[in-house]
Amino acid sequence: MEKEFDVLTVGHGLIDIRFIVEKFAGPDEESSILRQTRGVGGSAANVAIDVSRLGGRSSTIIKVGLDGFGRIVIDELMREKVDVSGVKVCIGDTGFTVVIIDGSGRITMYGYKGAAEKLLPTDIDEQLISRAKTVHIASLRKDTSLQAAMVAKKHNALVSWDPGRRLSLMGLDYFKDFLKYVDIVLVNRNEARNLTGTNDYKQAANQILEYGPEIVVVKKGAEGVYAKTSDGEEYEFPAFPVEKVIDTTGAGDAFAAGLLLGLVRGYNLRKALIYGNAVAALKTTKLGSHNVPSHDEVIKYIWEHQIF
């Protein structure tokens, strides 16, 4: 039976409250807010929206509170054509992140997870996961992540995992039972160091591969991306050029969406990495954590810059 969803995400759905400022304020300092916006955030919600904007079919399993922020999350997901049948609602506050962006595109964030962290193993919808080609688990507590990964593998889905900043501090051994079910690990350089204890991102990738995944991707931000496979293949690309960086929030999620959708579409790993890298580059030119380009815009960018 043909599976309905290209990518199903499991993790956090939050509200991002974004402030663009002249400069970051220090203690007892004040900096002017130049612009303020708000919208859906959280890695799982971001990737689901990004996949949809790139022309893929996506669904998400997240939990929000029974409040105004929760309604904004669901309404925006629906407008973005993301399937919301897996969204859970509970009594409590929807999580949010305050994102402060300075004039050069650097960000600092303050997060409150709220209902997002109350997504339990019992909230994992097996019937929904069975309809997905890929299950992407992001920044989510281990017990629920493990349940999602086990169900995904039962239904022959590709499983990817992005631990996020906080969970990466737990170290690799904490996730050894979970990583047996993961095909692709996506981390930034800080997360790679947190998981493994080494500053060498290539050595960190090798250590992560020893726990079972087939592919490890290290997102290096302005320095590009590195990938290593269990078969010994290595790929490394610089960050692709853009005229002006506006907002780097969600660039890692944009990359993940591009990479996973590329693999679903039959791209080899090298081509999928290039596609994801281009999606992330173009995302940084726009304000908003999931403001990614269309598939056609990505292909045009790749051709114009002769990135093959």
C-alpha atoms as a PDB file:
ATOM      1  CA  MET A   1       0.000   0.000   0.000  1.00  0.00           C
ATOM      2  CA  GLU A   2       1.327   3.440  -0.946  1.00  0.00           C
ATOM      3  CA  LYS A   3       2.150   5.474   2.165  1.00  0.00           C
ATOM      4  CA  GLU A   4       0.325   8.779   2.426  1.00  0.00           C
ATOM      5  CA  PHE A   5       2.905  10.999   4.166  1.00  0.00           C
ATOM      6  CA  ASP A   6       6.440  11.714   3.011  1.00  0.00           C
ATOM      7  CA  VAL A   7       7.503  12.875   6.472  1.00  0.00           C
ATOM      8  CA  LEU A   8       5.760  12.622   9.841  1.00  0.00           C
ATOM      9  CA  THR A   9       7.344  14.593  12.663  1.00  0.00           C
ATOM     10  CA  VAL A  10       7.188  13.887  16.396  1.00  0.00           C
ATOM     11  CA  GLY A  11       8.243  16.418  19.004  1.00  0.00           C
ATOM     12  CA  HIS A  12       7.450  19.977  19.993  1.00  0.00           C
ATOM     13  CA  GLY A  13       4.931  22.431  18.649  1.00  0.00           C
ATOM     14  CA  LEU A  14       5.465  25.867  20.151  1.00  0.00           C
ATOM     15  CA  ILE A  15       4.827  29.527  19.537  1.00  0.00           C
ATOM     16  CA  ASP A  16       7.832  31.629  18.530  1.00  0.00           C
ATOM     17  CA  ILE A  17       7.645  35.256  19.683  1.00  0.00           C
ATOM     18  CA  ARG A  18      10.329  37.040  17.662  1.00  0.00           C
ATOM     19  CA  PHE A  19      11.926  40.412  18.351  1.00  0.00           C
ATOM     20  CA  ILE A  20      14.364  42.048  15.952  1.00  0.00           C
ATOM     21  CA  VAL A  21      16.621  44.416  17.880  1.00  0.00           C
ATOM     22  CA  GLU A  22      19.409  46.853  17.099  1.00  0.00           C
ATOM     23  CA  LYS A  23      21.779  44.898  19.328  1.00  0.00           C
ATOM     24  CA  PHE A  24      21.618  42.472  22.221  1.00  0.00           C
ATOM     25  CA  ALA A  25      21.246  44.270  25.528  1.00  0.00           C
ATOM     26  CA  GLY A  26      23.572  43.477  28.403  1.00  0.00           C
ATOM     27  CA  PRO A  27      22.713  43.700  32.123  1.00  0.00           C
ATOM     28  CA  ASP A  28      21.117  47.053  32.962  1.00  0.00           C
ATOM     29  CA  GLU A  29      21.061  47.990  29.256  1.00  0.00           C
ATOM     30  CA  GLU A  30      18.163  48.648  26.899  1.00  0.00           C
ATOM     31  CA  SER A  31      18.023  47.979  23.165  1.00  0.00           C
ATOM     32  CA  SER A  32      15.237  49.117  20.846  1.00  0.00           C
ATOM     33  CA  ILE A  33      12.902  46.530  19.298  1.00  0.00           C
ATOM     34  CA  LEU A  34      12.707  47.246  15.583  1.00  0.00           C
ATOM     35  CA  ARG A  35      10.085  44.631  14.707  1.00  0.00           C
ATOM     36  CA  GLN A  36       7.991  41.949  16.401  1.00  0.00           C
ATOM     37  CA  THR A  37       6.330  38.861  14.897  1.00  0.00           C
ATOM     38  CA  ARG A  38       4.942  35.590  16.193  1.00  0.00           C
ATOM     39  CA  GLY A  39       4.080  32.218  14.710  1.00  0.00           C
ATOM     40  CA  VAL A  40       4.468  28.479  15.062  1.00  0.00           C
ATOM     41  CA  GLY A  41       7.852  27.132  16.168  1.00  0.00           C
ATOM     42  CA  GLY A  42       9.365  23.995  17.648  1.00  0.00           C
ATOM     43  CA  SER A  43      11.436  21.616  15.552  1.00  0.00           C
ATOM     44  CA  ALA A  44       8.696  19.075  14.849  1.00  0.00           C
ATOM     45  CA  ALA A  45       6.217  21.726  13.728  1.00  0.00           C
ATOM     46  CA  ASN A  46       8.891  23.548  11.724  1.00  0.00           C
ATOM     47  CA  VAL A  47       9.984  20.466   9.783  1.00  0.00           C
ATOM     48  CA  ALA A  48       6.386  19.463   9.049  1.00  0.00           C
ATOM     49  CA  ILE A  49       5.619  22.929   7.652  1.00  0.00           C
ATOM     50  CA  ASP A  50       8.896  23.065   5.730  1.00  0.00           C
ATOM     51  CA  VAL A  51       8.189  19.717   4.056  1.00  0.00           C
ATOM     52  CA  SER A  52       4.741  20.944   3.039  1.00  0.00           C
ATOM     53  CA  ARG A  53       6.108  24.196   1.619  1.00  0.00           C
ATOM     54  CA  LEU A  54       8.641  22.205  -0.400  1.00  0.00           C
ATOM     55  CA  GLY A  55       5.796  20.272  -2.004  1.00  0.00           C
ATOM     56  CA  GLY A  56       5.823  17.206   0.220  1.00  0.00           C
ATOM     57  CA  ARG A  57       3.061  15.624   2.277  1.00  0.00           C
ATOM     58  CA  SER A  58       3.514  15.932   6.024  1.00  0.00           C
ATOM     59  CA  SER A  59       1.878  15.160   9.337  1.00  0.00           C
ATOM     60  CA  THR A  60       2.892  15.809  12.937  1.00  0.00           C
ATOM     61  CA  ILE A  61       2.413  14.408  16.424  1.00  0.00           C
ATOM     62  CA  ILE A  62       2.790  17.211  18.963  1.00  0.00           C
ATOM     63  CA  LYS A  63       0.958  18.366  22.100  1.00  0.00           C
ATOM     64  CA  VAL A  64      -0.406  21.860  22.772  1.00  0.00           C
ATOM     65  CA  GLY A  65      -2.383  23.427  25.587  1.00  0.00           C
ATOM     66  CA  LEU A  66      -6.070  24.301  25.602  1.00  0.00           C
ATOM     67  CA  ASP A  67      -5.353  28.007  25.171  1.00  0.00           C
ATOM     68  CA  GLY A  68      -4.999  30.754  22.591  1.00  0.00           C
ATOM     69  CA  PHE A  69      -1.455  29.788  21.659  1.00  0.00           C
ATOM     70  CA  GLY A  70      -2.590  26.211  21.076  1.00  0.00           C
ATOM     71  CA  ARG A  71      -5.253  27.367  18.673  1.00  0.00           C
ATOM     72  CA  ILE A  72      -2.704  29.483  16.783  1.00  0.00           C
ATOM     73  CA  VAL A  73      -0.472  26.398  16.382  1.00  0.00           C
ATOM     74  CA  ILE A  74      -3.274  24.229  15.011  1.00  0.00           C
ATOM     75  CA  ASP A  75      -4.679  26.964  12.752  1.00  0.00           C
ATOM     76  CA  GLU A  76      -1.266  27.697  11.235  1.00  0.00           C
ATOM     77  CA  LEU A  77      -0.470  24.019  10.668  1.00  0.00           C
ATOM     78  CA  MET A  78      -3.775  23.623   8.856  1.00  0.00           C
ATOM     79  CA  ARG A  79      -3.126  26.705   6.710  1.00  0.00           C
ATOM     80  CA  GLU A  80       0.235  25.188   5.780  1.00  0.00           C
ATOM     81  CA  LYS A  81      -1.514  21.967   4.686  1.00  0.00           C
ATOM     82  CA  VAL A  82       0.037  19.838   7.422  1.00  0.00           C
ATOM     83  CA  ASP A  83      -2.131  16.940   8.602  1.00  0.00           C
ATOM     84  CA  VAL A  84      -3.118  17.682  12.231  1.00  0.00           C
ATOM     85  CA  SER A  85      -4.882  14.436  13.117  1.00  0.00           C
ATOM     86  CA  GLY A  86      -1.970  13.564  15.415  1.00  0.00           C
ATOM     87  CA  VAL A  87      -1.995  16.834  17.370  1.00  0.00           C
ATOM     88  CA  LYS A  88      -2.898  16.268  21.035  1.00  0.00           C
ATOM     89  CA  VAL A  89      -4.523  18.896  23.266  1.00  0.00           C
ATOM     90  CA  CYS A  90      -4.224  18.946  27.051  1.00  0.00           C
ATOM     91  CA  ILE A  91      -5.140  21.173  29.969  1.00  0.00           C
ATOM     92  CA  GLY A  92      -2.232  23.561  30.443  1.00  0.00           C
ATOM     93  CA  ASP A  93      -0.153  26.144  28.639  1.00  0.00           C
ATOM     94  CA  THR A  94       1.174  25.794  25.124  1.00  0.00           C
ATOM     95  CA  GLY A  95       4.952  26.116  25.077  1.00  0.00           C
ATOM     96  CA  PHE A  96       6.639  29.153  23.592  1.00  0.00           C
ATOM     97  CA  THR A  97      10.069  30.522  22.729  1.00  0.00           C
ATOM     98  CA  VAL A  98      11.145  34.141  22.908  1.00  0.00           C
ATOM     99  CA  VAL A  99      13.571  34.648  20.016  1.00  0.00           C
ATOM    100  CA  ILE A 100      15.719  37.791  19.929  1.00  0.00           C
ATOM    101  CA  ILE A 101      17.519  38.534  16.645  1.00  0.00           C
ATOM    102  CA  ASP A 102      20.172  41.213  16.256  1.00  0.00           C
ATOM    103  CA  GLY A 103      21.149  43.177  13.167  1.00  0.00           C
ATOM    104  CA  SER A 104      23.578  40.510  11.900  1.00  0.00           C
ATOM    105  CA  GLY A 105      21.079  37.665  12.176  1.00  0.00           C
ATOM    106  CA  ARG A 106      22.478  36.195  15.402  1.00  0.00           C
ATOM    107  CA  ILE A 107      19.883  34.834  17.797  1.00  0.00           C
ATOM    108  CA  THR A 108      19.370  34.269  21.492  1.00  0.00           C
ATOM    109  CA  MET A 109      16.394  32.324  22.823  1.00  0.00           C
ATOM    110  CA  TYR A 110      14.434  31.790  26.021  1.00  0.00           C
ATOM    111  CA  GLY A 111      12.172  28.737  26.019  1.00  0.00           C
ATOM    112  CA  TYR A 112       9.192  27.449  27.996  1.00  0.00           C
ATOM    113  CA  LYS A 113       8.192  23.936  26.874  1.00  0.00           C
ATOM    114  CA  GLY A 114       4.807  23.777  28.593  1.00  0.00           C
ATOM    115  CA  ALA A 115       2.450  21.201  27.084  1.00  0.00           C
ATOM    116  CA  ALA A 116       5.028  20.175  24.467  1.00  0.00           C
ATOM    117  CA  GLU A 117       6.973  18.079  26.997  1.00  0.00           C
ATOM    118  CA  LYS A 118       3.777  16.304  28.089  1.00  0.00           C
ATOM    119  CA  LEU A 119       3.689  14.269  24.872  1.00  0.00           C
ATOM    120  CA  LEU A 120       3.684  10.737  26.307  1.00  0.00           C
ATOM    121  CA  PRO A 121       4.441   7.318  24.785  1.00  0.00           C
ATOM    122  CA  THR A 122       0.703   6.614  24.920  1.00  0.00           C
ATOM    123  CA  ASP A 123       0.130   9.625  22.639  1.00  0.00           C
ATOM    124  CA  ILE A 124       2.021   7.960  19.773  1.00  0.00           C
ATOM    125  CA  ASP A 125      -0.557   7.046  17.129  1.00  0.00           C
ATOM    126  CA  GLU A 126       0.539   3.797  15.474  1.00  0.00           C
ATOM    127  CA  GLN A 127      -2.082   4.001  12.755  1.00  0.00           C
ATOM    128  CA  LEU A 128      -0.869   7.456  11.774  1.00  0.00           C
ATOM    129  CA  ILE A 129       2.805   6.456  11.821  1.00  0.00           C
ATOM    130  CA  SER A 130       2.035   3.435   9.627  1.00  0.00           C
ATOM    131  CA  ARG A 131       1.060   5.891   6.863  1.00  0.00           C
ATOM    132  CA  ALA A 132       4.462   7.657   6.850  1.00  0.00           C
ATOM    133  CA  LYS A 133       7.568   6.962   4.748  1.00  0.00           C
ATOM    134  CA  THR A 134       9.833   8.855   7.157  1.00  0.00           C
ATOM    135  CA  VAL A 135       9.437   9.633  10.871  1.00  0.00           C
ATOM    136  CA  HIS A 136      11.511  12.560  12.153  1.00  0.00           C
ATOM    137  CA  ILE A 137      11.850  12.791  15.946  1.00  0.00           C
ATOM    138  CA  ALA A 138      13.074  16.131  17.277  1.00  0.00           C
ATOM    139  CA  SER A 139      14.036  17.480  20.717  1.00  0.00           C
ATOM    140  CA  LEU A 140      11.669  15.119  22.519  1.00  0.00           C
ATOM    141  CA  ARG A 141      11.884  13.208  25.836  1.00  0.00           C
ATOM    142  CA  LYS A 142      13.460   9.767  25.446  1.00  0.00           C
ATOM    143  CA  ASP A 143      10.546   7.532  26.460  1.00  0.00           C
ATOM    144  CA  THR A 144       8.222   9.044  23.847  1.00  0.00           C
ATOM    145  CA  SER A 145      11.011   9.168  21.275  1.00  0.00           C
ATOM    146  CA  LEU A 146      11.712   5.463  21.795  1.00  0.00           C
ATOM    147  CA  GLN A 147       8.055   4.539  21.386  1.00  0.00           C
ATOM    148  CA  ALA A 148       7.803   6.559  18.164  1.00  0.00           C
ATOM    149  CA  ALA A 149      10.979   5.003  16.740  1.00  0.00           C
ATOM    150  CA  MET A 150       9.942   1.443  17.591  1.00  0.00           C
ATOM    151  CA  VAL A 151       6.537   1.902  15.972  1.00  0.00           C
ATOM    152  CA  ALA A 152       8.118   3.543  12.924  1.00  0.00           C
ATOM    153  CA  LYS A 153      10.535   0.648  12.376  1.00  0.00           C
ATOM    154  CA  LYS A 154       7.677  -1.836  12.826  1.00  0.00           C
ATOM    155  CA  HIS A 155       6.083  -0.177   9.794  1.00  0.00           C
ATOM    156  CA  ASN A 156       9.331   0.055   7.790  1.00  0.00           C
ATOM    157  CA  ALA A 157       9.664   3.828   7.975  1.00  0.00           C
ATOM    158  CA  LEU A 158      12.987   5.648   7.799  1.00  0.00           C
ATOM    159  CA  VAL A 159      13.725   7.130  11.242  1.00  0.00           C
ATOM    160  CA  SER A 160      15.665  10.370  11.740  1.00  0.00           C
ATOM    161  CA  TRP A 161      16.516  12.076  15.007  1.00  0.00           C
ATOM    162  CA  ASP A 162      17.575  15.573  15.998  1.00  0.00           C
ATOM    163  CA  PRO A 163      18.226  15.641  19.768  1.00  0.00           C
ATOM    164  CA  GLY A 164      18.341  19.413  20.157  1.00  0.00           C
ATOM    165  CA  ARG A 165      20.481  21.364  22.603  1.00  0.00           C
ATOM    166  CA  ARG A 166      19.087  20.195  25.935  1.00  0.00           C
ATOM    167  CA  LEU A 167      18.827  16.457  25.317  1.00  0.00           C
ATOM    168  CA  SER A 168      22.265  16.257  23.721  1.00  0.00           C
ATOM    169  CA  LEU A 169      23.723  17.057  27.162  1.00  0.00           C
ATOM    170  CA  MET A 170      22.625  13.589  28.338  1.00  0.00           C
ATOM    171  CA  GLY A 171      25.394  11.917  26.293  1.00  0.00           C
ATOM    172  CA  LEU A 172      25.374   8.992  23.890  1.00  0.00           C
ATOM    173  CA  ASP A 173      25.069   6.191  26.452  1.00  0.00           C
ATOM    174  CA  TYR A 174      21.748   7.609  27.656  1.00  0.00           C
ATOM    175  CA  PHE A 175      20.325   7.009  24.174  1.00  0.00           C
ATOM    176  CA  LYS A 176      21.915   3.645  23.353  1.00  0.00           C
ATOM    177  CA  ASP A 177      18.627   1.688  23.487  1.00  0.00           C
ATOM    178  CA  PHE A 178      16.909   4.328  21.345  1.00  0.00           C
ATOM    179  CA  LEU A 179      19.650   4.726  18.727  1.00  0.00           C
ATOM    180  CA  LYS A 180      19.225   1.080  17.656  1.00  0.00           C
ATOM    181  CA  TYR A 181      16.038   2.215  15.908  1.00  0.00           C
ATOM    182  CA  VAL A 182      17.456   5.375  14.294  1.00  0.00           C
ATOM    183  CA  ASP A 183      18.704   5.519  10.694  1.00  0.00           C
ATOM    184  CA  ILE A 184      19.812   9.178  10.483  1.00  0.00           C
ATOM    185  CA  VAL A 185      21.132  11.424  13.262  1.00  0.00           C
ATOM    186  CA  LEU A 186      21.228  15.183  12.680  1.00  0.00           C
ATOM    187  CA  VAL A 187      23.199  17.329  15.109  1.00  0.00           C
ATOM    188  CA  ASN A 188      24.903  20.697  15.149  1.00  0.00           C
ATOM    189  CA  ARG A 189      28.530  20.962  16.282  1.00  0.00           C
ATOM    190  CA  ASN A 190      27.638  21.791  19.899  1.00  0.00           C
ATOM    191  CA  GLU A 191      25.220  18.850  20.083  1.00  0.00           C
ATOM    192  CA  ALA A 192      27.835  16.523  18.559  1.00  0.00           C
ATOM    193  CA  ARG A 193      30.281  17.634  21.264  1.00  0.00           C
ATOM    194  CA  ASN A 194      27.678  17.274  24.015  1.00  0.00           C
ATOM    195  CA  LEU A 195      26.812  13.727  22.936  1.00  0.00           C
ATOM    196  CA  THR A 196      30.369  12.489  22.538  1.00  0.00           C
ATOM    197  CA  GLY A 197      32.657  14.736  24.582  1.00  0.00           C
ATOM    198  CA  THR A 198      34.873  15.551  21.601  1.00  0.00           C
ATOM    199  CA  ASN A 199      35.298  18.850  19.752  1.00  0.00           C
ATOM    200  CA  ASP A 200      36.279  17.022  16.539  1.00  0.00           C
ATOM    201  CA  TYR A 201      32.994  16.759  14.645  1.00  0.00           C
ATOM    202  CA  LYS A 202      34.310  13.994  12.368  1.00  0.00           C
ATOM    203  CA  GLN A 203      35.388  11.926  15.351  1.00  0.00           C
ATOM    204  CA  ALA A 204      32.020  12.655  16.980  1.00  0.00           C
ATOM    205  CA  ALA A 205      30.211  11.371  13.875  1.00  0.00           C
ATOM    206  CA  ASN A 206      32.220   8.142  14.034  1.00  0.00           C
ATOM    207  CA  GLN A 207      31.305   7.661  17.697  1.00  0.00           C
ATOM    208  CA  ILE A 208      27.607   8.161  16.994  1.00  0.00           C
ATOM    209  CA  LEU A 209      27.722   5.680  14.101  1.00  0.00           C
ATOM    210  CA  GLU A 210      28.990   3.019  16.512  1.00  0.00           C
ATOM    211  CA  TYR A 211      25.581   3.108  18.251  1.00  0.00           C
ATOM    212  CA  GLY A 212      23.716   1.888  15.164  1.00  0.00           C
ATOM    213  CA  PRO A 213      22.619   4.718  12.846  1.00  0.00           C
ATOM    214  CA  GLU A 214      23.471   4.482   9.143  1.00  0.00           C
ATOM    215  CA  ILE A 215      24.073   8.206   8.588  1.00  0.00           C
ATOM    216  CA  VAL A 216      25.259  11.036  10.841  1.00  0.00           C
ATOM    217  CA  VAL A 217      24.947  14.626   9.637  1.00  0.00           C
ATOM    218  CA  VAL A 218      26.701  17.473  11.445  1.00  0.00           C
ATOM    219  CA  LYS A 219      25.162  20.869  10.716  1.00  0.00           C
ATOM    220  CA  LYS A 220      27.960  23.445  10.995  1.00  0.00           C
ATOM    221  CA  GLY A 221      25.897  26.602  10.518  1.00  0.00           C
ATOM    222  CA  ALA A 222      27.839  29.234   8.592  1.00  0.00           C
ATOM    223  CA  GLU A 223      30.559  26.650   7.919  1.00  0.00           C
ATOM    224  CA  GLY A 224      28.272  24.241   6.061  1.00  0.00           C
ATOM    225  CA  VAL A 225      27.477  20.559   6.591  1.00  0.00           C
ATOM    226  CA  TYR A 226      29.321  17.262   7.058  1.00  0.00           C
ATOM    227  CA  ALA A 227      27.957  13.728   6.675  1.00  0.00           C
ATOM    228  CA  LYS A 228      29.401  10.278   7.334  1.00  0.00           C
ATOM    229  CA  THR A 229      27.780   6.904   6.637  1.00  0.00           C
ATOM    230  CA  SER A 230      28.259   3.530   8.284  1.00  0.00           C
ATOM    231  CA  ASP A 231      29.751   2.361   4.967  1.00  0.00           C
ATOM    232  CA  GLY A 232      32.518   4.955   5.265  1.00  0.00           C
ATOM    233  CA  GLU A 233      31.228   7.504   2.750  1.00  0.00           C
ATOM    234  CA  GLU A 234      31.959  11.132   3.637  1.00  0.00           C
ATOM    235  CA  TYR A 235      30.505  14.353   2.265  1.00  0.00           C
ATOM    236  CA  GLU A 236      31.279  17.936   3.233  1.00  0.00           C
ATOM    237  CA  PHE A 237      29.856  21.129   1.762  1.00  0.00           C
ATOM    238  CA  PRO A 238      30.390  24.787   2.692  1.00  0.00           C
ATOM    239  CA  ALA A 239      27.397  26.951   3.558  1.00  0.00           C
ATOM    240  CA  PHE A 240      25.890  28.145   0.293  1.00  0.00           C
ATOM    241  CA  PRO A 241      26.076  31.916  -0.350  1.00  0.00           C
ATOM    242  CA  VAL A 242      23.211  34.368   0.142  1.00  0.00           C
ATOM    243  CA  GLU A 243      23.095  38.152  -0.221  1.00  0.00           C
ATOM    244  CA  LYS A 244      21.958  38.917   3.334  1.00  0.00           C
ATOM    245  CA  VAL A 245      21.258  36.798   6.390  1.00  0.00           C
ATOM    246  CA  ILE A 246      18.073  37.983   8.123  1.00  0.00           C
ATOM    247  CA  ASP A 247      17.159  35.190  10.544  1.00  0.00           C
ATOM    248  CA  THR A 248      18.966  31.901  11.222  1.00  0.00           C
ATOM    249  CA  THR A 249      16.164  30.549  13.436  1.00  0.00           C
ATOM    250  CA  GLY A 250      14.982  27.222  12.062  1.00  0.00           C
ATOM    251  CA  ALA A 251      17.772  26.871   9.501  1.00  0.00           C
ATOM    252  CA  GLY A 252      18.650  23.445  10.904  1.00  0.00           C
ATOM    253  CA  ASP A 253      15.023  22.359  10.622  1.00  0.00           C
ATOM    254  CA  ALA A 254      14.900  23.680   7.056  1.00  0.00           C
ATOM    255  CA  PHE A 255      17.964  21.585   6.251  1.00  0.00           C
ATOM    256  CA  ALA A 256      16.380  18.494   7.827  1.00  0.00           C
ATOM    257  CA  ALA A 257      13.182  18.950   5.819  1.00  0.00           C
ATOM    258  CA  GLY A 258      15.127  19.326   2.577  1.00  0.00           C
ATOM    259  CA  LEU A 259      17.382  16.357   3.277  1.00  0.00           C
ATOM    260  CA  LEU A 260      14.560  14.000   4.249  1.00  0.00           C
ATOM    261  CA  LEU A 261      12.261  15.043   1.436  1.00  0.00           C
ATOM    262  CA  GLY A 262      15.140  14.680  -1.007  1.00  0.00           C
ATOM    263  CA  LEU A 263      15.755  11.111   0.168  1.00  0.00           C
ATOM    264  CA  VAL A 264      12.035  10.313  -0.080  1.00  0.00           C
ATOM    265  CA  ARG A 265      12.066  11.629  -3.650  1.00  0.00           C
ATOM    266  CA  GLY A 266      14.851   9.216  -4.516  1.00  0.00           C
ATOM    267  CA  TYR A 267      17.859  11.556  -4.401  1.00  0.00           C
ATOM    268  CA  ASN A 268      21.130   9.916  -3.445  1.00  0.00           C
ATOM    269  CA  LEU A 269      22.685  11.154  -0.204  1.00  0.00           C
ATOM    270  CA  ARG A 270      24.996  13.665  -1.898  1.00  0.00           C
ATOM    271  CA  LYS A 271      22.153  15.250  -3.874  1.00  0.00           C
ATOM    272  CA  ALA A 272      19.858  15.266  -0.811  1.00  0.00           C
ATOM    273  CA  LEU A 273      22.557  17.034   1.238  1.00  0.00           C
ATOM    274  CA  ILE A 274      22.967  19.687  -1.469  1.00  0.00           C
ATOM    275  CA  TYR A 275      19.205  20.172  -1.655  1.00  0.00           C
ATOM    276  CA  GLY A 276      18.879  20.488   2.136  1.00  0.00           C
ATOM    277  CA  ASN A 277      21.818  22.888   2.308  1.00  0.00           C
ATOM    278  CA  ALA A 278      20.207  25.100  -0.340  1.00  0.00           C
ATOM    279  CA  VAL A 279      16.873  25.095   1.519  1.00  0.00           C
ATOM    280  CA  ALA A 280      18.643  26.173   4.729  1.00  0.00           C
ATOM    281  CA  ALA A 281      20.604  28.926   2.966  1.00  0.00           C
ATOM    282  CA  LEU A 282      17.482  30.437   1.420  1.00  0.00           C
ATOM    283  CA  LYS A 283      15.585  30.180   4.716  1.00  0.00           C
ATOM    284  CA  THR A 284      18.148  32.441   6.432  1.00  0.00           C
ATOM    285  CA  THR A 285      17.218  35.282   4.060  1.00  0.00           C
ATOM    286  CA  LYS A 286      13.678  35.441   5.490  1.00  0.00           C
ATOM    287  CA  LEU A 287      12.225  36.170   8.907  1.00  0.00           C
ATOM    288  CA  GLY A 288      10.505  33.255  10.628  1.00  0.00           C
ATOM    289  CA  SER A 289      11.503  29.790  11.770  1.00  0.00           C
ATOM    290  CA  HIS A 290       9.785  27.963   8.889  1.00  0.00           C
ATOM    291  CA  ASN A 291       9.862  30.574   6.138  1.00  0.00           C
ATOM    292  CA  VAL A 292      11.426  28.259   3.552  1.00  0.00           C
ATOM    293  CA  PRO A 293      11.415  28.587  -0.243  1.00  0.00           C
ATOM    294  CA  SER A 294       9.385  26.509  -2.675  1.00  0.00           C
ATOM    295  CA  HIS A 295      10.901  23.494  -4.425  1.00  0.00           C
ATOM    296  CA  ASP A 296      11.143  25.469  -7.672  1.00  0.00           C
ATOM    297  CA  GLU A 297      13.012  28.303  -5.913  1.00  0.00           C
ATOM    298  CA  VAL A 298      15.497  25.796  -4.473  1.00  0.00           C
ATOM    299  CA  ILE A 299      16.162  24.192  -7.850  1.00  0.00           C
ATOM    300  CA  LYS A 300      16.580  27.637  -9.464  1.00  0.00           C
ATOM    301  CA  TYR A 301      19.076  28.629  -6.740  1.00  0.00           C
ATOM    302  CA  ILE A 302      21.083  25.423  -7.210  1.00  0.00           C
ATOM    303  CA  TRP A 303      21.267  25.941 -10.998  1.00  0.00           C
ATOM    304  CA  GLU A 304      22.153  29.632 -10.720  1.00  0.00           C
ATOM    305  CA  HIS A 305      25.025  28.888  -8.350  1.00  0.00           C
ATOM    306  CA  GLN A 306      26.136  25.769 -10.273  1.00  0.00           C
ATOM    307  CA  ILE A 307      26.031  23.619  -7.131  1.00  0.00           C
ATOM    308  CA  PHE A 308      26.225  20.044  -8.359  1.00  0.00           C
END
